[in-house]
N, C-alpha and C. Protein backbone atom coordinates (compact mmCIF):
# COMPACT_ATOMS: atom_id res chain seq x y z
N MET A 1 -96.64 5.08 130.03
CA MET A 1 -95.27 5.42 129.74
C MET A 1 -94.59 4.18 129.16
N THR A 2 -93.95 4.36 128.03
CA THR A 2 -93.32 3.23 127.36
C THR A 2 -91.95 2.95 127.95
N LYS A 3 -91.41 1.82 127.55
CA LYS A 3 -90.08 1.43 128.01
C LYS A 3 -89.02 2.39 127.49
N ALA A 4 -89.21 2.90 126.28
CA ALA A 4 -88.27 3.86 125.70
C ALA A 4 -88.29 5.17 126.48
N ASP A 5 -89.47 5.60 126.92
CA ASP A 5 -89.56 6.83 127.72
C ASP A 5 -88.83 6.68 129.05
N ARG A 6 -88.98 5.54 129.67
CA ARG A 6 -88.28 5.30 130.94
C ARG A 6 -86.77 5.32 130.75
N LEU A 7 -86.31 4.75 129.64
CA LEU A 7 -84.88 4.74 129.35
C LEU A 7 -84.37 6.16 129.13
N CYS A 8 -85.13 6.97 128.42
CA CYS A 8 -84.73 8.36 128.18
C CYS A 8 -84.67 9.16 129.48
N ILE A 9 -85.60 8.91 130.37
CA ILE A 9 -85.60 9.60 131.66
C ILE A 9 -84.37 9.19 132.47
N LYS A 10 -84.03 7.91 132.44
CA LYS A 10 -82.84 7.45 133.16
C LYS A 10 -81.58 8.06 132.57
N ILE A 11 -81.52 8.16 131.24
CA ILE A 11 -80.36 8.76 130.58
C ILE A 11 -80.22 10.22 130.99
N ALA A 12 -81.32 10.92 131.20
CA ALA A 12 -81.26 12.32 131.60
C ALA A 12 -80.94 12.48 133.09
N LEU A 13 -81.41 11.58 133.93
CA LEU A 13 -81.24 11.74 135.37
C LEU A 13 -79.91 11.26 135.92
N VAL A 14 -79.35 10.22 135.34
CA VAL A 14 -78.13 9.63 135.91
C VAL A 14 -76.95 10.60 135.91
N PRO A 15 -76.61 11.26 134.79
CA PRO A 15 -75.47 12.19 134.86
C PRO A 15 -75.73 13.38 135.77
N THR A 16 -76.95 13.89 135.76
CA THR A 16 -77.28 15.03 136.60
C THR A 16 -77.21 14.64 138.08
N ALA A 17 -77.77 13.50 138.42
CA ALA A 17 -77.73 13.05 139.81
C ALA A 17 -76.31 12.76 140.26
N THR A 18 -75.49 12.19 139.39
CA THR A 18 -74.10 11.92 139.72
C THR A 18 -73.35 13.22 139.99
N PHE A 19 -73.59 14.22 139.18
CA PHE A 19 -72.95 15.52 139.38
C PHE A 19 -73.38 16.15 140.70
N VAL A 20 -74.65 16.11 140.98
CA VAL A 20 -75.18 16.73 142.20
C VAL A 20 -74.64 16.02 143.44
N VAL A 21 -74.65 14.71 143.43
CA VAL A 21 -74.15 13.95 144.59
C VAL A 21 -72.66 14.18 144.77
N GLY A 22 -71.91 14.20 143.68
CA GLY A 22 -70.48 14.46 143.77
C GLY A 22 -70.17 15.84 144.30
N LEU A 23 -70.90 16.83 143.80
CA LEU A 23 -70.69 18.21 144.26
C LEU A 23 -71.05 18.36 145.73
N LEU A 24 -72.17 17.79 146.14
CA LEU A 24 -72.56 17.87 147.55
C LEU A 24 -71.58 17.14 148.45
N SER A 25 -71.05 16.01 147.99
CA SER A 25 -70.05 15.28 148.77
C SER A 25 -68.78 16.11 148.91
N PHE A 26 -68.36 16.73 147.83
CA PHE A 26 -67.17 17.59 147.85
C PHE A 26 -67.36 18.75 148.82
N MET A 27 -68.53 19.37 148.75
CA MET A 27 -68.81 20.50 149.63
C MET A 27 -68.90 20.06 151.09
N ALA A 28 -69.49 18.92 151.35
CA ALA A 28 -69.59 18.41 152.72
C ALA A 28 -68.22 18.05 153.27
N LEU A 29 -67.37 17.48 152.43
CA LEU A 29 -66.01 17.14 152.85
C LEU A 29 -65.22 18.39 153.19
N ARG A 30 -65.35 19.43 152.37
CA ARG A 30 -64.64 20.68 152.64
C ARG A 30 -65.17 21.36 153.90
N THR A 31 -66.48 21.29 154.10
CA THR A 31 -67.06 21.89 155.30
C THR A 31 -66.62 21.13 156.55
N ALA A 32 -66.56 19.81 156.45
CA ALA A 32 -66.14 19.00 157.60
C ALA A 32 -64.67 19.24 157.95
N SER A 33 -63.87 19.60 156.95
CA SER A 33 -62.45 19.86 157.23
C SER A 33 -62.20 21.28 157.71
N GLY A 34 -63.26 22.09 157.77
CA GLY A 34 -63.14 23.42 158.34
C GLY A 34 -62.92 24.54 157.35
N THR A 35 -63.00 24.25 156.06
CA THR A 35 -62.85 25.31 155.06
C THR A 35 -64.22 25.66 154.48
N SER A 36 -64.23 26.63 153.59
CA SER A 36 -65.50 27.01 152.96
C SER A 36 -65.94 25.90 152.00
N PRO A 37 -67.23 25.78 151.71
CA PRO A 37 -67.72 24.70 150.86
C PRO A 37 -67.11 24.69 149.45
N LEU A 38 -66.82 25.86 148.92
CA LEU A 38 -66.20 25.92 147.59
C LEU A 38 -64.93 26.76 147.67
N PRO A 39 -63.92 26.43 146.87
CA PRO A 39 -62.73 27.27 146.84
C PRO A 39 -63.07 28.68 146.33
N ALA A 40 -62.24 29.63 146.65
CA ALA A 40 -62.48 31.01 146.24
C ALA A 40 -62.50 31.10 144.71
N GLY A 41 -63.55 31.71 144.19
CA GLY A 41 -63.66 31.90 142.75
C GLY A 41 -64.22 30.71 141.98
N ALA A 42 -64.64 29.68 142.66
CA ALA A 42 -65.11 28.48 141.98
C ALA A 42 -66.60 28.52 141.66
N THR A 43 -67.31 29.49 142.18
CA THR A 43 -68.76 29.54 142.00
C THR A 43 -69.15 29.65 140.54
N GLN A 44 -68.44 30.47 139.78
CA GLN A 44 -68.78 30.61 138.36
C GLN A 44 -68.56 29.32 137.59
N TYR A 45 -67.54 28.55 137.99
CA TYR A 45 -67.28 27.28 137.31
C TYR A 45 -68.31 26.22 137.68
N VAL A 46 -68.73 26.22 138.93
CA VAL A 46 -69.75 25.26 139.37
C VAL A 46 -71.07 25.55 138.67
N THR A 47 -71.42 26.83 138.56
CA THR A 47 -72.67 27.21 137.89
C THR A 47 -72.64 26.80 136.42
N SER A 48 -71.55 27.10 135.74
CA SER A 48 -71.48 26.74 134.32
C SER A 48 -71.42 25.23 134.12
N ALA A 49 -70.73 24.53 135.02
CA ALA A 49 -70.67 23.06 134.91
C ALA A 49 -72.03 22.44 135.15
N SER A 50 -72.79 22.97 136.09
CA SER A 50 -74.12 22.41 136.35
C SER A 50 -75.05 22.65 135.17
N LEU A 51 -74.95 23.81 134.54
CA LEU A 51 -75.75 24.05 133.33
C LEU A 51 -75.32 23.14 132.20
N LEU A 52 -74.03 22.96 132.03
CA LEU A 52 -73.52 22.09 130.96
C LEU A 52 -73.98 20.65 131.16
N VAL A 53 -73.87 20.16 132.38
CA VAL A 53 -74.28 18.77 132.66
C VAL A 53 -75.77 18.60 132.45
N THR A 54 -76.57 19.55 132.92
CA THR A 54 -78.02 19.46 132.78
C THR A 54 -78.45 19.50 131.32
N PHE A 55 -77.94 20.49 130.58
CA PHE A 55 -78.31 20.60 129.17
C PHE A 55 -77.78 19.42 128.36
N GLY A 56 -76.59 18.94 128.69
CA GLY A 56 -76.04 17.78 128.00
C GLY A 56 -76.87 16.53 128.23
N ALA A 57 -77.33 16.34 129.46
CA ALA A 57 -78.15 15.17 129.76
C ALA A 57 -79.50 15.25 129.05
N ILE A 58 -80.09 16.44 129.02
CA ILE A 58 -81.37 16.60 128.32
C ILE A 58 -81.19 16.38 126.82
N LEU A 59 -80.12 16.91 126.27
CA LEU A 59 -79.84 16.72 124.84
C LEU A 59 -79.63 15.24 124.52
N ALA A 60 -78.87 14.54 125.35
CA ALA A 60 -78.65 13.11 125.13
C ALA A 60 -79.95 12.32 125.19
N ALA A 61 -80.81 12.65 126.14
CA ALA A 61 -82.08 11.95 126.25
C ALA A 61 -82.97 12.22 125.04
N ASN A 62 -82.99 13.46 124.57
CA ASN A 62 -83.80 13.77 123.39
C ASN A 62 -83.25 13.12 122.13
N LEU A 63 -81.93 13.07 121.98
CA LEU A 63 -81.35 12.39 120.83
C LEU A 63 -81.65 10.90 120.87
N LEU A 64 -81.62 10.32 122.05
CA LEU A 64 -81.98 8.90 122.19
C LEU A 64 -83.44 8.67 121.85
N ARG A 65 -84.30 9.57 122.28
CA ARG A 65 -85.73 9.44 121.98
C ARG A 65 -85.97 9.51 120.46
N VAL A 66 -85.28 10.42 119.78
CA VAL A 66 -85.42 10.53 118.33
C VAL A 66 -84.94 9.25 117.66
N ARG A 67 -83.83 8.72 118.15
CA ARG A 67 -83.28 7.49 117.54
C ARG A 67 -84.20 6.29 117.79
N LEU A 68 -84.79 6.21 118.98
CA LEU A 68 -85.67 5.08 119.27
C LEU A 68 -87.00 5.17 118.54
N ASN A 69 -87.42 6.36 118.17
CA ASN A 69 -88.69 6.51 117.45
C ASN A 69 -88.58 6.24 115.96
N ARG A 70 -87.39 6.08 115.46
CA ARG A 70 -87.22 5.79 114.03
C ARG A 70 -87.58 4.38 113.69
């Protein structure tokens, strides 16, 4: 695995991991305060945001890989 490949993997994982940790922290905080993990009606927004973050991170990593291979 080359250094460029490792960089592309980091570019793809950091935003996704940040989103997941933030979401889990938010849900844990709400659960600890005695409310439901997500506000009413927020599930569709969380699902779409997770898809957007994941696809965006993969797209950014692939664009970086194309740029580094030139």
